[in-house]
All heavy atoms as atom14 arrays in JSON, in Angstrom:
{
  "sequence": "TMGALGRARERTLGALALTAGDEDDAQHRLLRLAHARNAAESGEFAAA",
  "atom14_mask": [
    [1, 1, 1, 1, 1, 1, 1, 0, 0, 0, 0, 0, 0, 0],
    [1, 1, 1, 1, 1, 1, 1, 1, 0, 0, 0, 0, 0, 0],
    [1, 1, 1, 1, 0, 0, 0, 0, 0, 0, 0, 0, 0, 0],
    [1, 1, 1, 1, 1, 0, 0, 0, 0, 0, 0, 0, 0, 0],
    [1, 1, 1, 1, 1, 1, 1, 1, 0, 0, 0, 0, 0, 0],
    [1, 1, 1, 1, 0, 0, 0, 0, 0, 0, 0, 0, 0, 0],
    [1, 1, 1, 1, 1, 1, 1, 1, 1, 1, 1, 0, 0, 0],
    [1, 1, 1, 1, 1, 0, 0, 0, 0, 0, 0, 0, 0, 0],
    [1, 1, 1, 1, 1, 1, 1, 1, 1, 1, 1, 0, 0, 0],
    [1, 1, 1, 1, 1, 1, 1, 1, 1, 0, 0, 0, 0, 0],
    [1, 1, 1, 1, 1, 1, 1, 1, 1, 1, 1, 0, 0, 0],
    [1, 1, 1, 1, 1, 1, 1, 0, 0, 0, 0, 0, 0, 0],
    [1, 1, 1, 1, 1, 1, 1, 1, 0, 0, 0, 0, 0, 0],
    [1, 1, 1, 1, 0, 0, 0, 0, 0, 0, 0, 0, 0, 0],
    [1, 1, 1, 1, 1, 0, 0, 0, 0, 0, 0, 0, 0, 0],
    [1, 1, 1, 1, 1, 1, 1, 1, 0, 0, 0, 0, 0, 0],
    [1, 1, 1, 1, 1, 0, 0, 0, 0, 0, 0, 0, 0, 0],
    [1, 1, 1, 1, 1, 1, 1, 1, 0, 0, 0, 0, 0, 0],
    [1, 1, 1, 1, 1, 1, 1, 0, 0, 0, 0, 0, 0, 0],
    [1, 1, 1, 1, 1, 0, 0, 0, 0, 0, 0, 0, 0, 0],
    [1, 1, 1, 1, 0, 0, 0, 0, 0, 0, 0, 0, 0, 0],
    [1, 1, 1, 1, 1, 1, 1, 1, 0, 0, 0, 0, 0, 0],
    [1, 1, 1, 1, 1, 1, 1, 1, 1, 0, 0, 0, 0, 0],
    [1, 1, 1, 1, 1, 1, 1, 1, 0, 0, 0, 0, 0, 0],
    [1, 1, 1, 1, 1, 1, 1, 1, 0, 0, 0, 0, 0, 0],
    [1, 1, 1, 1, 1, 0, 0, 0, 0, 0, 0, 0, 0, 0],
    [1, 1, 1, 1, 1, 1, 1, 1, 1, 0, 0, 0, 0, 0],
    [1, 1, 1, 1, 1, 1, 1, 1, 1, 1, 0, 0, 0, 0],
    [1, 1, 1, 1, 1, 1, 1, 1, 1, 1, 1, 0, 0, 0],
    [1, 1, 1, 1, 1, 1, 1, 1, 0, 0, 0, 0, 0, 0],
    [1, 1, 1, 1, 1, 1, 1, 1, 0, 0, 0, 0, 0, 0],
    [1, 1, 1, 1, 1, 1, 1, 1, 1, 1, 1, 0, 0, 0],
    [1, 1, 1, 1, 1, 1, 1, 1, 0, 0, 0, 0, 0, 0],
    [1, 1, 1, 1, 1, 0, 0, 0, 0, 0, 0, 0, 0, 0],
    [1, 1, 1, 1, 1, 1, 1, 1, 1, 1, 0, 0, 0, 0],
    [1, 1, 1, 1, 1, 0, 0, 0, 0, 0, 0, 0, 0, 0],
    [1, 1, 1, 1, 1, 1, 1, 1, 1, 1, 1, 0, 0, 0],
    [1, 1, 1, 1, 1, 1, 1, 1, 0, 0, 0, 0, 0, 0],
    [1, 1, 1, 1, 1, 0, 0, 0, 0, 0, 0, 0, 0, 0],
    [1, 1, 1, 1, 1, 0, 0, 0, 0, 0, 0, 0, 0, 0],
    [1, 1, 1, 1, 1, 1, 1, 1, 1, 0, 0, 0, 0, 0],
    [1, 1, 1, 1, 1, 1, 0, 0, 0, 0, 0, 0, 0, 0],
    [1, 1, 1, 1, 0, 0, 0, 0, 0, 0, 0, 0, 0, 0],
    [1, 1, 1, 1, 1, 1, 1, 1, 1, 0, 0, 0, 0, 0],
    [1, 1, 1, 1, 1, 1, 1, 1, 1, 1, 1, 0, 0, 0],
    [1, 1, 1, 1, 1, 0, 0, 0, 0, 0, 0, 0, 0, 0],
    [1, 1, 1, 1, 1, 0, 0, 0, 0, 0, 0, 0, 0, 0],
    [1, 1, 1, 1, 1, 0, 0, 0, 0, 0, 0, 0, 0, 0]
  ],
  "atom14_positions": [
    [[0.83, -1.19, 0.0], [0.0, 0.0, 0.0], [0.87, 1.25, 0.0], [0.53, 2.27, -0.63], [-0.94, 0.01, 1.21], [-1.71, -1.2, 1.21], [-1.89, 1.19, 1.17], [0.0, 0.0, 0.0], [0.0, 0.0, 0.0], [0.0, 0.0, 0.0], [0.0, 0.0, 0.0], [0.0, 0.0, 0.0], [0.0, 0.0, 0.0], [0.0, 0.0, 0.0]],
    [[2.0, 1.2, 0.68], [2.95, 2.31, 0.64], [3.61, 2.45, -0.72], [4.13, 3.51, -1.06], [4.05, 2.1, 1.69], [3.62, 2.27, 3.12], [4.98, 1.97, 4.28], [6.02, 3.39, 3.95], [0.0, 0.0, 0.0], [0.0, 0.0, 0.0], [0.0, 0.0, 0.0], [0.0, 0.0, 0.0], [0.0, 0.0, 0.0], [0.0, 0.0, 0.0]],
    [[3.63, 1.36, -1.47], [4.35, 1.34, -2.75], [5.7, 0.66, -2.67], [6.42, 0.6, -3.66], [0.0, 0.0, 0.0], [0.0, 0.0, 0.0], [0.0, 0.0, 0.0], [0.0, 0.0, 0.0], [0.0, 0.0, 0.0], [0.0, 0.0, 0.0], [0.0, 0.0, 0.0], [0.0, 0.0, 0.0], [0.0, 0.0, 0.0], [0.0, 0.0, 0.0]],
    [[6.05, 0.13, -1.48], [7.36, -0.5, -1.29], [7.3, -1.95, -1.77], [7.33, -2.9, -0.97], [7.77, -0.42, 0.18], [0.0, 0.0, 0.0], [0.0, 0.0, 0.0], [0.0, 0.0, 0.0], [0.0, 0.0, 0.0], [0.0, 0.0, 0.0], [0.0, 0.0, 0.0], [0.0, 0.0, 0.0], [0.0, 0.0, 0.0], [0.0, 0.0, 0.0]],
    [[7.22, -2.14, -3.08], [7.02, -3.46, -3.66], [8.15, -4.42, -3.34], [7.92, -5.59, -3.01], [6.84, -3.33, -5.18], [6.71, -4.63, -5.97], [5.49, -5.41, -5.53], [6.65, -4.33, -7.48], [0.0, 0.0, 0.0], [0.0, 0.0, 0.0], [0.0, 0.0, 0.0], [0.0, 0.0, 0.0], [0.0, 0.0, 0.0], [0.0, 0.0, 0.0]],
    [[9.4, -3.95, -3.43], [10.54, -4.83, -3.17], [10.54, -5.35, -1.74], [10.76, -6.55, -1.5], [0.0, 0.0, 0.0], [0.0, 0.0, 0.0], [0.0, 0.0, 0.0], [0.0, 0.0, 0.0], [0.0, 0.0, 0.0], [0.0, 0.0, 0.0], [0.0, 0.0, 0.0], [0.0, 0.0, 0.0], [0.0, 0.0, 0.0], [0.0, 0.0, 0.0]],
    [[10.29, -4.48, -0.78], [10.23, -4.91, 0.63], [9.05, -5.84, 0.85], [9.15, -6.81, 1.62], [10.13, -3.69, 1.53], [11.38, -2.83, 1.58], [11.13, -1.55, 2.36], [10.83, -1.83, 3.77], [10.33, -0.92, 4.61], [10.07, 0.3, 4.18], [10.09, -1.25, 5.88], [0.0, 0.0, 0.0], [0.0, 0.0, 0.0], [0.0, 0.0, 0.0]],
    [[7.93, -5.58, 0.19], [6.77, -6.45, 0.33], [7.08, -7.85, -0.18], [6.73, -8.86, 0.45], [5.58, -5.87, -0.42], [0.0, 0.0, 0.0], [0.0, 0.0, 0.0], [0.0, 0.0, 0.0], [0.0, 0.0, 0.0], [0.0, 0.0, 0.0], [0.0, 0.0, 0.0], [0.0, 0.0, 0.0], [0.0, 0.0, 0.0], [0.0, 0.0, 0.0]],
    [[7.76, -7.92, -1.31], [8.11, -9.23, -1.87], [9.06, -9.98, -0.94], [8.92, -11.19, -0.75], [8.75, -9.04, -3.25], [9.14, -10.35, -3.92], [9.95, -10.12, -5.19], [10.51, -11.37, -5.67], [11.6, -11.94, -5.18], [12.26, -11.37, -4.17], [12.03, -13.08, -5.68], [0.0, 0.0, 0.0], [0.0, 0.0, 0.0], [0.0, 0.0, 0.0]],
    [[10.02, -9.28, -0.35], [10.94, -9.93, 0.58], [10.19, -10.51, 1.79], [10.52, -11.6, 2.27], [11.99, -8.92, 1.06], [13.0, -8.52, 0.0], [13.91, -7.41, 0.47], [13.8, -7.01, 1.66], [14.73, -6.93, -0.34], [0.0, 0.0, 0.0], [0.0, 0.0, 0.0], [0.0, 0.0, 0.0], [0.0, 0.0, 0.0], [0.0, 0.0, 0.0]],
    [[9.18, -9.78, 2.26], [8.43, -10.25, 3.41], [7.62, -11.5, 3.09], [7.57, -12.45, 3.87], [7.49, -9.14, 3.92], [8.07, -8.24, 4.99], [8.64, -9.03, 6.12], [8.96, -8.19, 7.28], [9.8, -8.55, 8.24], [10.41, -9.73, 8.17], [10.05, -7.77, 9.27], [0.0, 0.0, 0.0], [0.0, 0.0, 0.0], [0.0, 0.0, 0.0]],
    [[6.94, -11.51, 1.94], [6.15, -12.7, 1.61], [7.06, -13.89, 1.34], [6.71, -15.02, 1.68], [5.23, -12.44, 0.41], [5.98, -11.86, -0.68], [4.1, -11.49, 0.78], [0.0, 0.0, 0.0], [0.0, 0.0, 0.0], [0.0, 0.0, 0.0], [0.0, 0.0, 0.0], [0.0, 0.0, 0.0], [0.0, 0.0, 0.0], [0.0, 0.0, 0.0]],
    [[8.2, -13.64, 0.74], [9.15, -14.73, 0.5], [9.63, -15.3, 1.83], [9.72, -16.53, 2.01], [10.33, -14.22, -0.33], [11.27, -15.27, -0.9], [10.54, -16.2, -1.86], [12.44, -14.59, -1.62], [0.0, 0.0, 0.0], [0.0, 0.0, 0.0], [0.0, 0.0, 0.0], [0.0, 0.0, 0.0], [0.0, 0.0, 0.0], [0.0, 0.0, 0.0]],
    [[9.91, -14.42, 2.79], [10.33, -14.88, 4.11], [9.24, -15.64, 4.83], [9.5, -16.63, 5.52], [0.0, 0.0, 0.0], [0.0, 0.0, 0.0], [0.0, 0.0, 0.0], [0.0, 0.0, 0.0], [0.0, 0.0, 0.0], [0.0, 0.0, 0.0], [0.0, 0.0, 0.0], [0.0, 0.0, 0.0], [0.0, 0.0, 0.0], [0.0, 0.0, 0.0]],
    [[7.99, -15.17, 4.67], [6.87, -15.86, 5.32], [6.69, -17.25, 4.74], [6.43, -18.22, 5.48], [5.6, -15.04, 5.15], [0.0, 0.0, 0.0], [0.0, 0.0, 0.0], [0.0, 0.0, 0.0], [0.0, 0.0, 0.0], [0.0, 0.0, 0.0], [0.0, 0.0, 0.0], [0.0, 0.0, 0.0], [0.0, 0.0, 0.0], [0.0, 0.0, 0.0]],
    [[6.82, -17.4, 3.44], [6.69, -18.71, 2.82], [7.75, -19.68, 3.31], [7.5, -20.88, 3.46], [6.76, -18.58, 1.29], [5.5, -18.11, 0.59], [5.79, -17.86, -0.89], [4.39, -19.13, 0.73], [0.0, 0.0, 0.0], [0.0, 0.0, 0.0], [0.0, 0.0, 0.0], [0.0, 0.0, 0.0], [0.0, 0.0, 0.0], [0.0, 0.0, 0.0]],
    [[8.95, -19.16, 3.56], [10.04, -20.02, 4.03], [9.75, -20.61, 5.41], [10.34, -21.63, 5.79], [11.34, -19.23, 4.06], [0.0, 0.0, 0.0], [0.0, 0.0, 0.0], [0.0, 0.0, 0.0], [0.0, 0.0, 0.0], [0.0, 0.0, 0.0], [0.0, 0.0, 0.0], [0.0, 0.0, 0.0], [0.0, 0.0, 0.0], [0.0, 0.0, 0.0]],
    [[8.83, -19.99, 6.15], [8.51, -20.47, 7.5], [7.45, -21.56, 7.5], [7.26, -22.23, 8.52], [8.01, -19.31, 8.36], [9.01, -18.19, 8.64], [8.28, -17.04, 9.33], [10.15, -18.69, 9.52], [0.0, 0.0, 0.0], [0.0, 0.0, 0.0], [0.0, 0.0, 0.0], [0.0, 0.0, 0.0], [0.0, 0.0, 0.0], [0.0, 0.0, 0.0]],
    [[6.72, -21.71, 6.41], [5.58, -22.61, 6.4], [5.98, -23.99, 5.92], [6.98, -24.17, 5.23], [4.46, -22.08, 5.5], [4.91, -22.11, 4.13], [4.1, -20.66, 5.87], [0.0, 0.0, 0.0], [0.0, 0.0, 0.0], [0.0, 0.0, 0.0], [0.0, 0.0, 0.0], [0.0, 0.0, 0.0], [0.0, 0.0, 0.0], [0.0, 0.0, 0.0]],
    [[5.15, -24.95, 6.27], [5.42, -26.34, 5.89], [5.0, -26.63, 4.45], [5.34, -27.67, 3.91], [4.7, -27.29, 6.83], [0.0, 0.0, 0.0], [0.0, 0.0, 0.0], [0.0, 0.0, 0.0], [0.0, 0.0, 0.0], [0.0, 0.0, 0.0], [0.0, 0.0, 0.0], [0.0, 0.0, 0.0], [0.0, 0.0, 0.0], [0.0, 0.0, 0.0]],
    [[4.23, -25.73, 3.87], [3.82, -25.93, 2.49], [2.63, -26.84, 2.32], [2.47, -27.46, 1.27], [0.0, 0.0, 0.0], [0.0, 0.0, 0.0], [0.0, 0.0, 0.0], [0.0, 0.0, 0.0], [0.0, 0.0, 0.0], [0.0, 0.0, 0.0], [0.0, 0.0, 0.0], [0.0, 0.0, 0.0], [0.0, 0.0, 0.0], [0.0, 0.0, 0.0]],
    [[1.79, -26.97, 3.35], [0.6, -27.81, 3.27], [-0.42, -27.15, 2.34], [-0.93, -26.06, 2.62], [0.0, -27.97, 4.67], [-1.22, -28.87, 4.68], [-1.64, -29.33, 3.6], [-1.77, -29.13, 5.78], [0.0, 0.0, 0.0], [0.0, 0.0, 0.0], [0.0, 0.0, 0.0], [0.0, 0.0, 0.0], [0.0, 0.0, 0.0], [0.0, 0.0, 0.0]],
    [[-0.73, -27.8, 1.22], [-1.62, -27.22, 0.22], [-3.04, -27.05, 0.76], [-3.81, -26.24, 0.23], [-1.66, -28.12, -1.03], [-0.33, -28.21, -1.75], [0.12, -26.89, -2.32], [-0.73, -26.12, -2.79], [1.33, -26.61, -2.29], [0.0, 0.0, 0.0], [0.0, 0.0, 0.0], [0.0, 0.0, 0.0], [0.0, 0.0, 0.0], [0.0, 0.0, 0.0]],
    [[-3.42, -27.79, 1.79], [-4.77, -27.69, 2.35], [-4.86, -26.7, 3.5], [-5.93, -26.49, 4.07], [-5.25, -29.08, 2.83], [-5.43, -30.03, 1.66], [-5.91, -29.58, 0.61], [-5.09, -31.21, 1.81], [0.0, 0.0, 0.0], [0.0, 0.0, 0.0], [0.0, 0.0, 0.0], [0.0, 0.0, 0.0], [0.0, 0.0, 0.0], [0.0, 0.0, 0.0]],
    [[-3.74, -26.09, 3.87], [-3.73, -25.13, 4.97], [-4.16, -23.76, 4.46], [-3.57, -23.22, 3.52], [-2.34, -25.05, 5.58], [-2.28, -24.05, 6.72], [-2.84, -24.35, 7.78], [-1.71, -22.97, 6.53], [0.0, 0.0, 0.0], [0.0, 0.0, 0.0], [0.0, 0.0, 0.0], [0.0, 0.0, 0.0], [0.0, 0.0, 0.0], [0.0, 0.0, 0.0]],
    [[-5.21, -23.18, 5.08], [-5.77, -21.93, 4.59], [-4.75, -20.8, 4.66], [-4.64, -19.99, 3.73], [-7.02, -21.57, 5.4], [0.0, 0.0, 0.0], [0.0, 0.0, 0.0], [0.0, 0.0, 0.0], [0.0, 0.0, 0.0], [0.0, 0.0, 0.0], [0.0, 0.0, 0.0], [0.0, 0.0, 0.0], [0.0, 0.0, 0.0], [0.0, 0.0, 0.0]],
    [[-4.0, -20.73, 5.75], [-3.02, -19.65, 5.88], [-1.95, -19.76, 4.81], [-1.53, -18.75, 4.24], [-2.37, -19.68, 7.27], [-1.3, -18.6, 7.42], [-0.74, -18.53, 8.82], [-1.47, -18.42, 9.78], [0.58, -18.59, 8.94], [0.0, 0.0, 0.0], [0.0, 0.0, 0.0], [0.0, 0.0, 0.0], [0.0, 0.0, 0.0], [0.0, 0.0, 0.0]],
    [[-1.51, -20.97, 4.53], [-0.48, -21.14, 3.51], [-0.99, -20.68, 2.15], [-0.24, -20.08, 1.37], [-0.04, -22.6, 3.44], [1.1, -22.84, 2.49], [2.35, -22.33, 2.7], [1.16, -23.51, 1.31], [3.15, -22.69, 1.71], [2.45, -23.4, 0.85], [0.0, 0.0, 0.0], [0.0, 0.0, 0.0], [0.0, 0.0, 0.0], [0.0, 0.0, 0.0]],
    [[-2.25, -20.92, 1.86], [-2.81, -20.45, 0.59], [-2.78, -18.92, 0.52], [-2.48, -18.36, -0.54], [-4.24, -20.97, 0.42], [-4.31, -22.43, 0.0], [-5.69, -22.77, -0.5], [-6.66, -22.77, 0.59], [-6.97, -23.85, 1.32], [-6.37, -24.99, 1.08], [-7.87, -23.77, 2.27], [0.0, 0.0, 0.0], [0.0, 0.0, 0.0], [0.0, 0.0, 0.0]],
    [[-3.1, -18.26, 1.62], [-3.1, -16.79, 1.61], [-1.68, -16.25, 1.47], [-1.46, -15.23, 0.81], [-3.76, -16.26, 2.87], [-5.22, -16.68, 3.07], [-5.82, -15.99, 4.29], [-6.05, -16.37, 1.83], [0.0, 0.0, 0.0], [0.0, 0.0, 0.0], [0.0, 0.0, 0.0], [0.0, 0.0, 0.0], [0.0, 0.0, 0.0], [0.0, 0.0, 0.0]],
    [[-0.72, -16.92, 2.09], [0.68, -16.53, 1.91], [1.08, -16.65, 0.44], [1.74, -15.75, -0.11], [1.58, -17.42, 2.76], [1.52, -17.26, 4.28], [2.43, -18.29, 4.94], [1.92, -15.87, 4.72], [0.0, 0.0, 0.0], [0.0, 0.0, 0.0], [0.0, 0.0, 0.0], [0.0, 0.0, 0.0], [0.0, 0.0, 0.0], [0.0, 0.0, 0.0]],
    [[0.71, -17.75, -0.17], [1.07, -17.94, -1.57], [0.4, -16.91, -2.47], [0.98, -16.43, -3.44], [0.68, -19.37, -2.01], [1.51, -20.45, -1.36], [0.98, -21.82, -1.7], [1.09, -22.11, -3.12], [0.25, -22.87, -3.81], [-0.81, -23.4, -3.18], [0.44, -23.09, -5.09], [0.0, 0.0, 0.0], [0.0, 0.0, 0.0], [0.0, 0.0, 0.0]],
    [[-0.86, -16.56, -2.14], [-1.56, -15.55, -2.91], [-0.85, -14.2, -2.8], [-0.62, -13.52, -3.82], [-3.0, -15.43, -2.41], [-3.84, -14.26, -2.97], [-3.9, -14.31, -4.48], [-5.24, -14.28, -2.36], [0.0, 0.0, 0.0], [0.0, 0.0, 0.0], [0.0, 0.0, 0.0], [0.0, 0.0, 0.0], [0.0, 0.0, 0.0], [0.0, 0.0, 0.0]],
    [[-0.49, -13.81, -1.59], [0.19, -12.52, -1.4], [1.53, -12.49, -2.13], [1.88, -11.5, -2.78], [0.39, -12.24, 0.08], [0.0, 0.0, 0.0], [0.0, 0.0, 0.0], [0.0, 0.0, 0.0], [0.0, 0.0, 0.0], [0.0, 0.0, 0.0], [0.0, 0.0, 0.0], [0.0, 0.0, 0.0], [0.0, 0.0, 0.0], [0.0, 0.0, 0.0]],
    [[2.27, -13.59, -2.04], [3.57, -13.6, -2.71], [3.41, -13.62, -4.23], [4.19, -12.98, -4.95], [4.41, -14.79, -2.26], [5.79, -14.76, -2.84], [6.71, -13.77, -2.54], [6.4, -15.56, -3.76], [7.82, -13.97, -3.22], [7.66, -15.05, -3.96], [0.0, 0.0, 0.0], [0.0, 0.0, 0.0], [0.0, 0.0, 0.0], [0.0, 0.0, 0.0]],
    [[2.41, -14.34, -4.71], [2.19, -14.38, -6.16], [1.87, -12.99, -6.7], [2.33, -12.61, -7.79], [1.07, -15.35, -6.5], [0.0, 0.0, 0.0], [0.0, 0.0, 0.0], [0.0, 0.0, 0.0], [0.0, 0.0, 0.0], [0.0, 0.0, 0.0], [0.0, 0.0, 0.0], [0.0, 0.0, 0.0], [0.0, 0.0, 0.0], [0.0, 0.0, 0.0]],
    [[1.09, -12.21, -5.97], [0.8, -10.83, -6.39], [2.09, -10.02, -6.48], [2.32, -9.31, -7.46], [-0.14, -10.16, -5.39], [-1.58, -10.58, -5.46], [-2.4, -9.81, -4.44], [-2.28, -8.37, -4.63], [-2.62, -7.47, -3.72], [-3.07, -7.85, -2.54], [-2.51, -6.19, -3.99], [0.0, 0.0, 0.0], [0.0, 0.0, 0.0], [0.0, 0.0, 0.0]],
    [[2.93, -10.13, -5.44], [4.18, -9.38, -5.45], [5.11, -9.86, -6.55], [5.78, -9.05, -7.21], [4.87, -9.52, -4.09], [4.09, -8.86, -2.97], [3.32, -7.94, -3.2], [4.27, -9.34, -1.75], [0.0, 0.0, 0.0], [0.0, 0.0, 0.0], [0.0, 0.0, 0.0], [0.0, 0.0, 0.0], [0.0, 0.0, 0.0], [0.0, 0.0, 0.0]],
    [[5.15, -11.17, -6.76], [6.02, -11.72, -7.79], [5.57, -11.28, -9.18], [6.4, -10.95, -10.04], [6.05, -13.24, -7.69], [0.0, 0.0, 0.0], [0.0, 0.0, 0.0], [0.0, 0.0, 0.0], [0.0, 0.0, 0.0], [0.0, 0.0, 0.0], [0.0, 0.0, 0.0], [0.0, 0.0, 0.0], [0.0, 0.0, 0.0], [0.0, 0.0, 0.0]],
    [[4.26, -11.28, -9.41], [3.75, -10.88, -10.72], [4.11, -9.43, -11.03], [4.52, -9.1, -12.16], [2.23, -11.06, -10.77], [0.0, 0.0, 0.0], [0.0, 0.0, 0.0], [0.0, 0.0, 0.0], [0.0, 0.0, 0.0], [0.0, 0.0, 0.0], [0.0, 0.0, 0.0], [0.0, 0.0, 0.0], [0.0, 0.0, 0.0], [0.0, 0.0, 0.0]],
    [[3.98, -8.55, -10.04], [4.32, -7.14, -10.25], [5.81, -6.95, -10.45], [6.24, -5.95, -11.04], [3.85, -6.31, -9.06], [2.35, -6.3, -8.84], [1.59, -5.59, -9.94], [2.18, -4.72, -10.61], [0.41, -5.91, -10.15], [0.0, 0.0, 0.0], [0.0, 0.0, 0.0], [0.0, 0.0, 0.0], [0.0, 0.0, 0.0], [0.0, 0.0, 0.0]],
    [[6.61, -7.91, -9.97], [8.06, -7.83, -10.09], [8.58, -8.49, -11.37], [9.8, -8.57, -11.56], [8.72, -8.48, -8.87], [8.28, -7.85, -7.68], [0.0, 0.0, 0.0], [0.0, 0.0, 0.0], [0.0, 0.0, 0.0], [0.0, 0.0, 0.0], [0.0, 0.0, 0.0], [0.0, 0.0, 0.0], [0.0, 0.0, 0.0], [0.0, 0.0, 0.0]],
    [[7.68, -9.0, -12.21], [8.09, -9.6, -13.47], [8.29, -11.1, -13.44], [8.7, -11.69, -14.44], [0.0, 0.0, 0.0], [0.0, 0.0, 0.0], [0.0, 0.0, 0.0], [0.0, 0.0, 0.0], [0.0, 0.0, 0.0], [0.0, 0.0, 0.0], [0.0, 0.0, 0.0], [0.0, 0.0, 0.0], [0.0, 0.0, 0.0], [0.0, 0.0, 0.0]],
    [[7.99, -11.75, -12.31], [8.15, -13.2, -12.2], [6.86, -13.87, -12.67], [6.13, -14.51, -11.91], [8.5, -13.58, -10.76], [9.78, -12.92, -10.27], [9.96, -13.07, -8.78], [9.56, -14.1, -8.22], [10.5, -12.14, -8.16], [0.0, 0.0, 0.0], [0.0, 0.0, 0.0], [0.0, 0.0, 0.0], [0.0, 0.0, 0.0], [0.0, 0.0, 0.0]],
    [[6.59, -13.74, -13.96], [5.28, -14.06, -14.49], [4.93, -15.55, -14.42], [3.82, -15.91, -14.02], [5.18, -13.59, -15.95], [5.27, -12.11, -16.12], [6.17, -11.55, -17.02], [4.47, -11.25, -15.4], [6.25, -10.18, -17.19], [4.53, -9.87, -15.56], [5.44, -9.34, -16.46], [0.0, 0.0, 0.0], [0.0, 0.0, 0.0], [0.0, 0.0, 0.0]],
    [[5.83, -16.41, -14.84], [5.49, -17.83, -14.94], [5.15, -18.42, -13.58], [4.14, -19.11, -13.42], [6.64, -18.6, -15.59], [0.0, 0.0, 0.0], [0.0, 0.0, 0.0], [0.0, 0.0, 0.0], [0.0, 0.0, 0.0], [0.0, 0.0, 0.0], [0.0, 0.0, 0.0], [0.0, 0.0, 0.0], [0.0, 0.0, 0.0], [0.0, 0.0, 0.0]],
    [[6.0, -18.17, -12.59], [5.75, -18.71, -11.25], [4.46, -18.15, -10.68], [3.67, -18.87, -10.07], [6.93, -18.4, -10.34], [0.0, 0.0, 0.0], [0.0, 0.0, 0.0], [0.0, 0.0, 0.0], [0.0, 0.0, 0.0], [0.0, 0.0, 0.0], [0.0, 0.0, 0.0], [0.0, 0.0, 0.0], [0.0, 0.0, 0.0], [0.0, 0.0, 0.0]],
    [[4.24, -16.85, -10.87], [3.02, -16.22, -10.34], [1.78, -16.78, -11.02], [0.76, -17.04, -10.36], [3.09, -14.71, -10.53], [0.0, 0.0, 0.0], [0.0, 0.0, 0.0], [0.0, 0.0, 0.0], [0.0, 0.0, 0.0], [0.0, 0.0, 0.0], [0.0, 0.0, 0.0], [0.0, 0.0, 0.0], [0.0, 0.0, 0.0], [0.0, 0.0, 0.0]]
  ]
}
């Protein structure tokens, strides 16, 4: 919201590193959604 896209991407990447990656876990899905948004804006199109 501030416009600090690079810092936002670093935070979501760090949050993902903390999770177990359970595809059925609701929180993990929201983490992936937030990071995918940041990644897409940063040009990481395929992964996003």
